[in-house]
PDB file of all heavy atoms in Angstrom:
ATOM      1  N   PHE A   1      41.620-103.733 -13.035  1.00  0.00           N
ATOM      2  CA  PHE A   1      42.514-103.677 -11.879  1.00  0.00           C
ATOM      3  C   PHE A   1      42.874-105.074 -11.397  1.00  0.00           C
ATOM      4  O   PHE A   1      43.984-105.308 -10.914  1.00  0.00           O
ATOM      5  CB  PHE A   1      41.839-102.922 -10.734  1.00  0.00           C
ATOM      6  CG  PHE A   1      41.793-101.431 -10.884  1.00  0.00           C
ATOM      7  CD1 PHE A   1      42.091-100.813 -12.082  1.00  0.00           C
ATOM      8  CD2 PHE A   1      41.450-100.633  -9.812  1.00  0.00           C
ATOM      9  CE1 PHE A   1      42.041 -99.433 -12.223  1.00  0.00           C
ATOM     10  CE2 PHE A   1      41.400 -99.255  -9.923  1.00  0.00           C
ATOM     11  CZ  PHE A   1      41.693 -98.650 -11.128  1.00  0.00           C
ATOM     12  N   ASP A   2      41.939-106.010 -11.501  1.00  0.00           N
ATOM     13  CA  ASP A   2      42.170-107.344 -10.954  1.00  0.00           C
ATOM     14  C   ASP A   2      43.285-108.095 -11.671  1.00  0.00           C
ATOM     15  O   ASP A   2      43.798-109.080 -11.141  1.00  0.00           O
ATOM     16  CB  ASP A   2      40.880-108.168 -11.008  1.00  0.00           C
ATOM     17  CG  ASP A   2      40.132-108.127  -9.697  1.00  0.00           C
ATOM     18  OD1 ASP A   2      40.558-107.397  -8.790  1.00  0.00           O
ATOM     19  OD2 ASP A   2      39.108-108.824  -9.570  1.00  0.00           O
ATOM     20  N   MET A   3      43.653-107.664 -12.854  1.00  0.00           N
ATOM     21  CA  MET A   3      44.737-108.340 -13.559  1.00  0.00           C
ATOM     22  C   MET A   3      46.096-107.770 -13.216  1.00  0.00           C
ATOM     23  O   MET A   3      47.118-108.303 -13.631  1.00  0.00           O
ATOM     24  CB  MET A   3      44.511-108.235 -15.061  1.00  0.00           C
ATOM     25  CG  MET A   3      43.306-109.006 -15.530  1.00  0.00           C
ATOM     26  SD  MET A   3      43.155-108.880 -17.298  1.00  0.00           S
ATOM     27  CE  MET A   3      43.104-107.113 -17.483  1.00  0.00           C
ATOM     28  N   HIS A   4      46.110-106.686 -12.453  1.00  0.00           N
ATOM     29  CA  HIS A   4      47.361-105.986 -12.218  1.00  0.00           C
ATOM     30  C   HIS A   4      47.984-106.432 -10.900  1.00  0.00           C
ATOM     31  O   HIS A   4      47.320-106.465  -9.873  1.00  0.00           O
ATOM     32  CB  HIS A   4      47.109-104.475 -12.175  1.00  0.00           C
ATOM     33  CG  HIS A   4      48.282-103.662 -12.574  1.00  0.00           C
ATOM     34  ND1 HIS A   4      49.410-103.569 -11.783  1.00  0.00           N
ATOM     35  CD2 HIS A   4      48.533-102.909 -13.660  1.00  0.00           C
ATOM     36  CE1 HIS A   4      50.288-102.780 -12.388  1.00  0.00           C
ATOM     37  NE2 HIS A   4      49.788-102.372 -13.522  1.00  0.00           N
ATOM     38  N   PRO A   5      49.268-106.800 -10.894  1.00  0.00           N
ATOM     39  CA  PRO A   5      49.927-107.190  -9.641  1.00  0.00           C
ATOM     40  C   PRO A   5      49.900-106.056  -8.625  1.00  0.00           C
ATOM     41  O   PRO A   5      49.734-104.884  -8.962  1.00  0.00           O
ATOM     42  CB  PRO A   5      51.368-107.495 -10.087  1.00  0.00           C
ATOM     43  CG  PRO A   5      51.267-107.782 -11.546  1.00  0.00           C
ATOM     44  CD  PRO A   5      50.155-106.912 -12.052  1.00  0.00           C
ATOM     45  N   ALA A   6      50.085-106.400  -7.362  1.00  0.00           N
ATOM     46  CA  ALA A   6      50.072-105.426  -6.278  1.00  0.00           C
ATOM     47  C   ALA A   6      51.073-104.313  -6.546  1.00  0.00           C
ATOM     48  O   ALA A   6      52.185-104.549  -7.007  1.00  0.00           O
ATOM     49  CB  ALA A   6      50.391-106.105  -4.948  1.00  0.00           C
ATOM     50  N   THR A   7      50.661-103.101  -6.249  1.00  0.00           N
ATOM     51  CA  THR A   7      51.539-101.947  -6.416  1.00  0.00           C
ATOM     52  C   THR A   7      51.121-100.879  -5.429  1.00  0.00           C
ATOM     53  O   THR A   7      49.964-100.834  -5.000  1.00  0.00           O
ATOM     54  CB  THR A   7      51.474-101.384  -7.852  1.00  0.00           C
ATOM     55  OG1 THR A   7      52.307-100.213  -7.936  1.00  0.00           O
ATOM     56  CG2 THR A   7      50.057-100.997  -8.227  1.00  0.00           C
ATOM     57  N   ASP A   8      52.064-100.018  -5.058  1.00  0.00           N
ATOM     58  CA  ASP A   8      51.705 -98.900  -4.196  1.00  0.00           C
ATOM     59  C   ASP A   8      51.553 -97.611  -5.006  1.00  0.00           C
ATOM     60  O   ASP A   8      51.439 -96.526  -4.441  1.00  0.00           O
ATOM     61  CB  ASP A   8      52.740 -98.701  -3.079  1.00  0.00           C
ATOM     62  CG  ASP A   8      54.154 -98.499  -3.617  1.00  0.00           C
ATOM     63  OD1 ASP A   8      54.302 -98.197  -4.815  1.00  0.00           O
ATOM     64  OD2 ASP A   8      55.109 -98.650  -2.836  1.00  0.00           O
ATOM     65  N   ASP A   9      51.502 -97.734  -6.319  1.00  0.00           N
ATOM     66  CA  ASP A   9      51.336 -96.575  -7.197  1.00  0.00           C
ATOM     67  C   ASP A   9      49.994 -96.675  -7.894  1.00  0.00           C
ATOM     68  O   ASP A   9      49.838 -97.378  -8.894  1.00  0.00           O
ATOM     69  CB  ASP A   9      52.474 -96.524  -8.227  1.00  0.00           C
ATOM     70  CG  ASP A   9      52.372 -95.304  -9.144  1.00  0.00           C
ATOM     71  OD1 ASP A   9      51.450 -94.485  -8.953  1.00  0.00           O
ATOM     72  OD2 ASP A   9      53.205 -95.192 -10.055  1.00  0.00           O
ATOM     73  N   LEU A  10      48.994 -95.972  -7.390  1.00  0.00           N
ATOM     74  CA  LEU A  10      47.642 -96.048  -7.928  1.00  0.00           C
ATOM     75  C   LEU A  10      47.585 -95.606  -9.384  1.00  0.00           C
ATOM     76  O   LEU A  10      46.763 -96.106 -10.161  1.00  0.00           O
ATOM     77  CB  LEU A  10      46.694 -95.187  -7.082  1.00  0.00           C
ATOM     78  CG  LEU A  10      45.215 -95.196  -7.463  1.00  0.00           C
ATOM     79  CD1 LEU A  10      44.644 -96.602  -7.401  1.00  0.00           C
ATOM     80  CD2 LEU A  10      44.430 -94.249  -6.574  1.00  0.00           C
ATOM     81  N   ASP A  11      48.467 -94.685  -9.779  1.00  0.00           N
ATOM     82  CA  ASP A  11      48.431 -94.187 -11.155  1.00  0.00           C
ATOM     83  C   ASP A  11      48.652 -95.306 -12.171  1.00  0.00           C
ATOM     84  O   ASP A  11      48.162 -95.226 -13.301  1.00  0.00           O
ATOM     85  CB  ASP A  11      49.483 -93.096 -11.357  1.00  0.00           C
ATOM     86  CG  ASP A  11      49.142 -91.806 -10.629  1.00  0.00           C
ATOM     87  OD1 ASP A  11      47.951 -91.620 -10.303  1.00  0.00           O
ATOM     88  OD2 ASP A  11      50.056 -91.008 -10.366  1.00  0.00           O
ATOM     89  N   THR A  12      49.397 -96.338 -11.794  1.00  0.00           N
ATOM     90  CA  THR A  12      49.662 -97.409 -12.753  1.00  0.00           C
ATOM     91  C   THR A  12      48.377 -98.137 -13.138  1.00  0.00           C
ATOM     92  O   THR A  12      48.284 -98.704 -14.220  1.00  0.00           O
ATOM     93  CB  THR A  12      50.661 -98.432 -12.191  1.00  0.00           C
ATOM     94  OG1 THR A  12      50.082 -99.086 -11.046  1.00  0.00           O
ATOM     95  CG2 THR A  12      51.955 -97.769 -11.783  1.00  0.00           C
ATOM     96  N   TYR A  13      47.384 -98.125 -12.256  1.00  0.00           N
ATOM     97  CA  TYR A  13      46.129 -98.800 -12.571  1.00  0.00           C
ATOM     98  C   TYR A  13      45.380 -98.098 -13.706  1.00  0.00           C
ATOM     99  O   TYR A  13      44.553 -98.702 -14.377  1.00  0.00           O
ATOM    100  CB  TYR A  13      45.227 -98.867 -11.338  1.00  0.00           C
ATOM    101  CG  TYR A  13      45.743 -99.748 -10.238  1.00  0.00           C
ATOM    102  CD1 TYR A  13      45.827 -99.283  -8.925  1.00  0.00           C
ATOM    103  CD2 TYR A  13      46.162-101.049 -10.494  1.00  0.00           C
ATOM    104  CE1 TYR A  13      46.288-100.094  -7.906  1.00  0.00           C
ATOM    105  CE2 TYR A  13      46.637-101.866  -9.472  1.00  0.00           C
ATOM    106  CZ  TYR A  13      46.693-101.374  -8.183  1.00  0.00           C
ATOM    107  OH  TYR A  13      47.157-102.181  -7.179  1.00  0.00           O
ATOM    108  N   PHE A  14      45.643 -96.812 -13.873  1.00  0.00           N
ATOM    109  CA  PHE A  14      44.944 -96.045 -14.901  1.00  0.00           C
ATOM    110  C   PHE A  14      45.804 -95.795 -16.143  1.00  0.00           C
ATOM    111  O   PHE A  14      45.401 -95.083 -17.051  1.00  0.00           O
ATOM    112  CB  PHE A  14      44.466 -94.705 -14.325  1.00  0.00           C
ATOM    113  CG  PHE A  14      43.361 -94.858 -13.318  1.00  0.00           C
ATOM    114  CD1 PHE A  14      43.621 -94.724 -11.971  1.00  0.00           C
ATOM    115  CD2 PHE A  14      42.076 -95.171 -13.726  1.00  0.00           C
ATOM    116  CE1 PHE A  14      42.608 -94.878 -11.041  1.00  0.00           C
ATOM    117  CE2 PHE A  14      41.055 -95.326 -12.804  1.00  0.00           C
ATOM    118  CZ  PHE A  14      41.322 -95.172 -11.455  1.00  0.00           C
ATOM    119  N   ASP A  15      46.992 -96.379 -16.149  1.00  0.00           N
ATOM    120  CA  ASP A  15      47.856 -96.300 -17.331  1.00  0.00           C
ATOM    121  C   ASP A  15      47.709 -97.612 -18.081  1.00  0.00           C
ATOM    122  O   ASP A  15      48.350 -98.610 -17.766  1.00  0.00           O
ATOM    123  CB  ASP A  15      49.309 -96.062 -16.909  1.00  0.00           C
ATOM    124  CG  ASP A  15      50.231 -95.883 -18.111  1.00  0.00           C
ATOM    125  OD1 ASP A  15      49.772 -96.111 -19.254  1.00  0.00           O
ATOM    126  OD2 ASP A  15      51.408 -95.535 -17.901  1.00  0.00           O
ATOM    127  N   TRP A  16      46.860 -97.612 -19.119  1.00  0.00           N
ATOM    128  CA  TRP A  16      46.517 -98.864 -19.781  1.00  0.00           C
ATOM    129  C   TRP A  16      47.704 -99.509 -20.478  1.00  0.00           C
ATOM    130  O   TRP A  16      47.700-100.705 -20.737  1.00  0.00           O
ATOM    131  CB  TRP A  16      45.393 -98.640 -20.774  1.00  0.00           C
ATOM    132  CG  TRP A  16      44.064 -98.262 -20.205  1.00  0.00           C
ATOM    133  CD1 TRP A  16      43.107 -97.541 -20.843  1.00  0.00           C
ATOM    134  CD2 TRP A  16      43.490 -98.585 -18.922  1.00  0.00           C
ATOM    135  NE1 TRP A  16      41.987 -97.393 -20.044  1.00  0.00           N
ATOM    136  CE2 TRP A  16      42.201 -98.029 -18.854  1.00  0.00           C
ATOM    137  CE3 TRP A  16      43.950 -99.290 -17.809  1.00  0.00           C
ATOM    138  CZ2 TRP A  16      41.365 -98.157 -17.745  1.00  0.00           C
ATOM    139  CZ3 TRP A  16      43.122 -99.409 -16.690  1.00  0.00           C
ATOM    140  CH2 TRP A  16      41.859 -98.852 -16.668  1.00  0.00           C
ATOM    141  N   ASP A  17      48.754 -98.745 -20.761  1.00  0.00           N
ATOM    142  CA  ASP A  17      49.940 -99.352 -21.363  1.00  0.00           C
ATOM    143  C   ASP A  17      50.557-100.405 -20.452  1.00  0.00           C
ATOM    144  O   ASP A  17      51.196-101.355 -20.915  1.00  0.00           O
ATOM    145  CB  ASP A  17      50.989 -98.278 -21.679  1.00  0.00           C
ATOM    146  CG  ASP A  17      50.598 -97.424 -22.877  1.00  0.00           C
ATOM    147  OD1 ASP A  17      49.711 -97.868 -23.641  1.00  0.00           O
ATOM    148  OD2 ASP A  17      51.160 -96.338 -23.024  1.00  0.00           O
ATOM    149  N   ASN A  18      50.351-100.251 -19.153  1.00  0.00           N
ATOM    150  CA  ASN A  18      50.904-101.218 -18.202  1.00  0.00           C
ATOM    151  C   ASN A  18      50.213-102.572 -18.280  1.00  0.00           C
ATOM    152  O   ASN A  18      50.709-103.547 -17.723  1.00  0.00           O
ATOM    153  CB  ASN A  18      50.773-100.691 -16.768  1.00  0.00           C
ATOM    154  CG  ASN A  18      51.672 -99.498 -16.512  1.00  0.00           C
ATOM    155  OD1 ASN A  18      52.719 -99.375 -17.128  1.00  0.00           O
ATOM    156  ND2 ASN A  18      51.245 -98.613 -15.629  1.00  0.00           N
ATOM    157  N   TYR A  19      49.079-102.629 -18.972  1.00  0.00           N
ATOM    158  CA  TYR A  19      48.301-103.857 -18.992  1.00  0.00           C
ATOM    159  C   TYR A  19      48.700-104.792 -20.121  1.00  0.00           C
ATOM    160  O   TYR A  19      48.272-105.924 -20.162  1.00  0.00           O
ATOM    161  CB  TYR A  19      46.804-103.534 -19.105  1.00  0.00           C
ATOM    162  CG  TYR A  19      46.222-103.036 -17.812  1.00  0.00           C
ATOM    163  CD1 TYR A  19      46.423-101.726 -17.403  1.00  0.00           C
ATOM    164  CD2 TYR A  19      45.502-103.872 -16.977  1.00  0.00           C
ATOM    165  CE1 TYR A  19      45.910-101.265 -16.214  1.00  0.00           C
ATOM    166  CE2 TYR A  19      44.988-103.424 -15.780  1.00  0.00           C
ATOM    167  CZ  TYR A  19      45.186-102.109 -15.406  1.00  0.00           C
ATOM    168  OH  TYR A  19      44.686-101.667 -14.223  1.00  0.00           O
ATOM    169  N   ARG A  20      49.508-104.340 -21.020  1.00  0.00           N
ATOM    170  CA  ARG A  20      49.791-105.163 -22.199  1.00  0.00           C
ATOM    171  C   ARG A  20      50.422-106.501 -21.828  1.00  0.00           C
ATOM    172  O   ARG A  20      50.180-107.504 -22.474  1.00  0.00           O
ATOM    173  CB  ARG A  20      50.696-104.377 -23.153  1.00  0.00           C
ATOM    174  CG  ARG A  20      49.927-103.229 -23.821  1.00  0.00           C
ATOM    175  CD  ARG A  20      50.811-102.377 -24.701  1.00  0.00           C
ATOM    176  NE  ARG A  20      50.038-101.303 -25.316  1.00  0.00           N
ATOM    177  CZ  ARG A  20      50.582-100.255 -25.908  1.00  0.00           C
ATOM    178  NH1 ARG A  20      51.898-100.143 -25.966  1.00  0.00           N
ATOM    179  NH2 ARG A  20      49.831 -99.322 -26.444  1.00  0.00           N
ATOM    180  N   ALA A  21      51.213-106.501 -20.767  1.00  0.00           N
ATOM    181  CA  ALA A  21      51.843-107.751 -20.343  1.00  0.00           C
ATOM    182  C   ALA A  21      51.042-108.461 -19.255  1.00  0.00           C
ATOM    183  O   ALA A  21      51.403-109.536 -18.825  1.00  0.00           O
ATOM    184  CB  ALA A  21      53.252-107.474 -19.818  1.00  0.00           C
ATOM    185  N   ASP A  22      49.952-107.829 -18.814  1.00  0.00           N
ATOM    186  CA  ASP A  22      49.231-108.353 -17.660  1.00  0.00           C
ATOM    187  C   ASP A  22      47.876-108.948 -18.022  1.00  0.00           C
ATOM    188  O   ASP A  22      47.124-109.336 -17.133  1.00  0.00           O
ATOM    189  CB  ASP A  22      48.994-107.237 -16.639  1.00  0.00           C
ATOM    190  CG  ASP A  22      50.294-106.714 -16.059  1.00  0.00           C
ATOM    191  OD1 ASP A  22      51.269-107.483 -16.000  1.00  0.00           O
ATOM    192  OD2 ASP A  22      50.332-105.548 -15.683  1.00  0.00           O
ATOM    193  N   LEU A  23      47.534-108.992 -19.289  1.00  0.00           N
ATOM    194  CA  LEU A  23      46.201-109.435 -19.674  1.00  0.00           C
ATOM    195  C   LEU A  23      46.133-110.959 -19.720  1.00  0.00           C
ATOM    196  O   LEU A  23      45.808-111.549 -20.731  1.00  0.00           O
ATOM    197  CB  LEU A  23      45.823-108.844 -21.038  1.00  0.00           C
ATOM    198  CG  LEU A  23      45.752-107.312 -21.085  1.00  0.00           C
ATOM    199  CD1 LEU A  23      45.370-106.850 -22.478  1.00  0.00           C
ATOM    200  CD2 LEU A  23      44.781-106.777 -20.074  1.00  0.00           C
ATOM    201  N   GLY A  24      46.438-111.583 -18.598  1.00  0.00           N
ATOM    202  CA  GLY A  24      46.461-113.034 -18.577  1.00  0.00           C
ATOM    203  C   GLY A  24      45.635-113.639 -17.481  1.00  0.00           C
ATOM    204  O   GLY A  24      45.836-114.796 -17.134  1.00  0.00           O
ATOM    205  N   GLY A  25      44.721-112.886 -16.910  1.00  0.00           N
ATOM    206  CA  GLY A  25      43.861-113.422 -15.867  1.00  0.00           C
ATOM    207  C   GLY A  25      44.005-112.667 -14.568  1.00  0.00           C
ATOM    208  O   GLY A  25      44.844-111.774 -14.421  1.00  0.00           O
ATOM    209  N   ILE A  26      43.166-113.007 -13.608  1.00  0.00           N
ATOM    210  CA  ILE A  26      43.174-112.331 -12.329  1.00  0.00           C
ATOM    211  C   ILE A  26      44.503-112.566 -11.621  1.00  0.00           C
ATOM    212  O   ILE A  26      44.993-113.695 -11.550  1.00  0.00           O
ATOM    213  CB  ILE A  26      42.008-112.826 -11.456  1.00  0.00           C
ATOM    214  CG1 ILE A  26      40.669-112.520 -12.132  1.00  0.00           C
ATOM    215  CG2 ILE A  26      42.048-112.191 -10.072  1.00  0.00           C
ATOM    216  CD1 ILE A  26      39.476-113.090 -11.397  1.00  0.00           C
ATOM    217  N   ASP A  27      45.086-111.505 -11.099  1.00  0.00           N
ATOM    218  CA  ASP A  27      46.325-111.637 -10.353  1.00  0.00           C
ATOM    219  C   ASP A  27      46.097-112.564  -9.163  1.00  0.00           C
ATOM    220  O   ASP A  27      45.132-112.395  -8.406  1.00  0.00           O
ATOM    221  CB  ASP A  27      46.766-110.254  -9.859  1.00  0.00           C
ATOM    222  CG  ASP A  27      48.018-110.332  -9.023  1.00  0.00           C
ATOM    223  OD1 ASP A  27      49.073-110.675  -9.565  1.00  0.00           O
ATOM    224  OD2 ASP A  27      47.923-110.086  -7.802  1.00  0.00           O
ATOM    225  N   PRO A  28      46.947-113.576  -8.972  1.00  0.00           N
ATOM    226  CA  PRO A  28      46.722-114.551  -7.899  1.00  0.00           C
ATOM    227  C   PRO A  28      46.608-113.928  -6.517  1.00  0.00           C
ATOM    228  O   PRO A  28      45.863-114.414  -5.670  1.00  0.00           O
ATOM    229  CB  PRO A  28      47.951-115.462  -7.998  1.00  0.00           C
ATOM    230  CG  PRO A  28      48.417-115.326  -9.406  1.00  0.00           C
ATOM    231  CD  PRO A  28      48.112-113.910  -9.808  1.00  0.00           C
ATOM    232  N   GLN A  29      47.345-112.843  -6.281  1.00  0.00           N
ATOM    233  CA  GLN A  29      47.298-112.206  -4.966  1.00  0.00           C
ATOM    234  C   GLN A  29      45.913-111.608  -4.703  1.00  0.00           C
ATOM    235  O   GLN A  29      45.418-111.642  -3.568  1.00  0.00           O
ATOM    236  CB  GLN A  29      48.369-111.115  -4.887  1.00  0.00           C
ATOM    237  CG  GLN A  29      48.664-110.650  -3.475  1.00  0.00           C
ATOM    238  CD  GLN A  29      49.882-109.744  -3.413  1.00  0.00           C
ATOM    239  OE1 GLN A  29      50.421-109.328  -4.429  1.00  0.00           O
ATOM    240  NE2 GLN A  29      50.299-109.415  -2.200  1.00  0.00           N
ATOM    241  N   ARG A  30      45.285-111.097  -5.746  1.00  0.00           N
ATOM    242  CA  ARG A  30      43.941-110.533  -5.586  1.00  0.00           C
ATOM    243  C   ARG A  30      42.906-111.641  -5.400  1.00  0.00           C
ATOM    244  O   ARG A  30      42.024-111.535  -4.539  1.00  0.00           O
ATOM    245  CB  ARG A  30      43.600-109.677  -6.803  1.00  0.00           C
ATOM    246  CG  ARG A  30      44.429-108.416  -6.893  1.00  0.00           C
ATOM    247  CD  ARG A  30      44.188-107.661  -8.203  1.00  0.00           C
ATOM    248  NE  ARG A  30      44.980-106.451  -8.214  1.00  0.00           N
ATOM    249  CZ  ARG A  30      44.586-105.290  -7.704  1.00  0.00           C
ATOM    250  NH1 ARG A  30      43.406-105.197  -7.138  1.00  0.00           N
ATOM    251  NH2 ARG A  30      45.367-104.237  -7.740  1.00  0.00           N
ATOM    252  N   ALA A  31      43.015-112.680  -6.211  1.00  0.00           N
ATOM    253  CA  ALA A  31      42.082-113.794  -6.054  1.00  0.00           C
ATOM    254  C   ALA A  31      42.179-114.394  -4.659  1.00  0.00           C
ATOM    255  O   ALA A  31      41.166-114.721  -4.024  1.00  0.00           O
ATOM    256  CB  ALA A  31      42.359-114.855  -7.112  1.00  0.00           C
ATOM    257  N   GLU A  32      43.394-114.508  -4.164  1.00  0.00           N
ATOM    258  CA  GLU A  32      43.609-115.051  -2.824  1.00  0.00           C
ATOM    259  C   GLU A  32      43.006-114.128  -1.770  1.00  0.00           C
ATOM    260  O   GLU A  32      42.429-114.584  -0.772  1.00  0.00           O
ATOM    261  CB  GLU A  32      45.106-115.232  -2.580  1.00  0.00           C
ATOM    262  CG  GLU A  32      45.459-115.892  -1.262  1.00  0.00           C
ATOM    263  CD  GLU A  32      45.326-117.406  -1.297  1.00  0.00           C
ATOM    264  OE1 GLU A  32      44.949-117.958  -2.348  1.00  0.00           O
ATOM    265  OE2 GLU A  32      45.592-118.030  -0.262  1.00  0.00           O
ATOM    266  N   LEU A  33      43.120-112.811  -1.967  1.00  0.00           N
ATOM    267  CA  LEU A  33      42.556-111.858  -1.014  1.00  0.00           C
ATOM    268  C   LEU A  33      41.048-112.033  -0.903  1.00  0.00           C
ATOM    269  O   LEU A  33      40.504-112.078   0.210  1.00  0.00           O
ATOM    270  CB  LEU A  33      42.887-110.424  -1.437  1.00  0.00           C
ATOM    271  CG  LEU A  33      42.157-109.336  -0.649  1.00  0.00           C
ATOM    272  CD1 LEU A  33      42.585-109.346   0.822  1.00  0.00           C
ATOM    273  CD2 LEU A  33      42.383-107.964  -1.280  1.00  0.00           C
ATOM    274  N   TYR A  34      40.359-112.133  -2.034  1.00  0.00           N
ATOM    275  CA  TYR A  34      38.904-112.260  -1.994  1.00  0.00           C
ATOM    276  C   TYR A  34      38.496-113.535  -1.258  1.00  0.00           C
ATOM    277  O   TYR A  34      37.554-113.530  -0.455  1.00  0.00           O
ATOM    278  CB  TYR A  34      38.327-112.251  -3.412  1.00  0.00           C
ATOM    279  CG  TYR A  34      38.689-111.024  -4.218  1.00  0.00           C
ATOM    280  CD1 TYR A  34      38.901-111.108  -5.593  1.00  0.00           C
ATOM    281  CD2 TYR A  34      38.833-109.780  -3.615  1.00  0.00           C
ATOM    282  CE1 TYR A  34      39.237-109.984  -6.336  1.00  0.00           C
ATOM    283  CE2 TYR A  34      39.178-108.655  -4.351  1.00  0.00           C
ATOM    284  CZ  TYR A  34      39.386-108.769  -5.711  1.00  0.00           C
ATOM    285  OH  TYR A  34      39.727-107.667  -6.449  1.00  0.00           O
ATOM    286  N   ARG A  35      39.204-114.611  -1.524  1.00  0.00           N
ATOM    287  CA  ARG A  35      38.875-115.870  -0.853  1.00  0.00           C
ATOM    288  C   ARG A  35      39.187-115.790   0.642  1.00  0.00           C
ATOM    289  O   ARG A  35      38.437-116.323   1.472  1.00  0.00           O
ATOM    290  CB  ARG A  35      39.654-117.017  -1.502  1.00  0.00           C
ATOM    291  CG  ARG A  35      39.237-117.267  -2.951  1.00  0.00           C
ATOM    292  CD  ARG A  35      40.227-118.163  -3.666  1.00  0.00           C
ATOM    293  NE  ARG A  35      39.927-118.253  -5.094  1.00  0.00           N
ATOM    294  CZ  ARG A  35      40.771-118.687  -6.006  1.00  0.00           C
ATOM    295  NH1 ARG A  35      41.987-119.089  -5.655  1.00  0.00           N
ATOM    296  NH2 ARG A  35      40.415-118.732  -7.284  1.00  0.00           N
ATOM    297  N   LEU A  36      40.278-115.121   0.987  1.00  0.00           N
ATOM    298  CA  LEU A  36      40.637-114.962   2.389  1.00  0.00           C
ATOM    299  C   LEU A  36      39.577-114.144   3.129  1.00  0.00           C
ATOM    300  O   LEU A  36      39.208-114.478   4.266  1.00  0.00           O
ATOM    301  CB  LEU A  36      41.998-114.278   2.502  1.00  0.00           C
ATOM    302  CG  LEU A  36      42.532-114.063   3.915  1.00  0.00           C
ATOM    303  CD1 LEU A  36      42.857-115.398   4.575  1.00  0.00           C
ATOM    304  CD2 LEU A  36      43.769-113.163   3.887  1.00  0.00           C
ATOM    305  N   CYS A  37      39.097-113.080   2.498  1.00  0.00           N
ATOM    306  CA  CYS A  37      38.062-112.252   3.131  1.00  0.00           C
ATOM    307  C   CYS A  37      36.806-113.074   3.395  1.00  0.00           C
ATOM    308  O   CYS A  37      36.213-112.977   4.483  1.00  0.00           O
ATOM    309  CB  CYS A  37      37.724-111.053   2.246  1.00  0.00           C
ATOM    310  SG  CYS A  37      38.978-109.752   2.267  1.00  0.00           S
ATOM    311  N   GLU A  38      36.405-113.872   2.426  1.00  0.00           N
ATOM    312  CA  GLU A  38      35.222-114.695   2.651  1.00  0.00           C
ATOM    313  C   GLU A  38      35.476-115.719   3.748  1.00  0.00           C
ATOM    314  O   GLU A  38      34.620-115.943   4.613  1.00  0.00           O
ATOM    315  CB  GLU A  38      34.807-115.383   1.355  1.00  0.00           C
ATOM    316  CG  GLU A  38      33.608-116.286   1.524  1.00  0.00           C
ATOM    317  CD  GLU A  38      32.554-116.105   0.450  1.00  0.00           C
ATOM    318  OE1 GLU A  38      32.511-115.043  -0.193  1.00  0.00           O
ATOM    319  OE2 GLU A  38      31.780-117.035   0.266  1.00  0.00           O
ATOM    320  N   ALA A  39      36.647-116.327   3.751  1.00  0.00           N
ATOM    321  CA  ALA A  39      36.950-117.346   4.754  1.00  0.00           C
ATOM    322  C   ALA A  39      37.039-116.742   6.156  1.00  0.00           C
ATOM    323  O   ALA A  39      36.637-117.380   7.140  1.00  0.00           O
ATOM    324  CB  ALA A  39      38.261-118.047   4.405  1.00  0.00           C
ATOM    325  N   ARG A  40      37.554-115.510   6.269  1.00  0.00           N
ATOM    326  CA  ARG A  40      37.713-114.868   7.577  1.00  0.00           C
ATOM    327  C   ARG A  40      36.498-114.015   7.953  1.00  0.00           C
ATOM    328  O   ARG A  40      36.503-113.360   8.994  1.00  0.00           O
ATOM    329  CB  ARG A  40      38.964-113.981   7.575  1.00  0.00           C
ATOM    330  CG  ARG A  40      40.268-114.733   7.348  1.00  0.00           C
ATOM    331  CD  ARG A  40      40.686-115.544   8.557  1.00  0.00           C
ATOM    332  NE  ARG A  40      41.968-116.216   8.354  1.00  0.00           N
ATOM    333  CZ  ARG A  40      43.152-115.685   8.654  1.00  0.00           C
ATOM    334  NH1 ARG A  40      43.216-114.475   9.184  1.00  0.00           N
ATOM    335  NH2 ARG A  40      44.262-116.372   8.438  1.00  0.00           N
TER     336      ARG A  40
END
């Protein structure tokens, strides 16, 4: 899930075909969220 950009469609997280273009590391928005939570 962490490699997938933000979406409001939960089903896309379980459709592995959507990951073929996304297997390049943690999505920056998610990484930023985790750091923001720790900072706040």
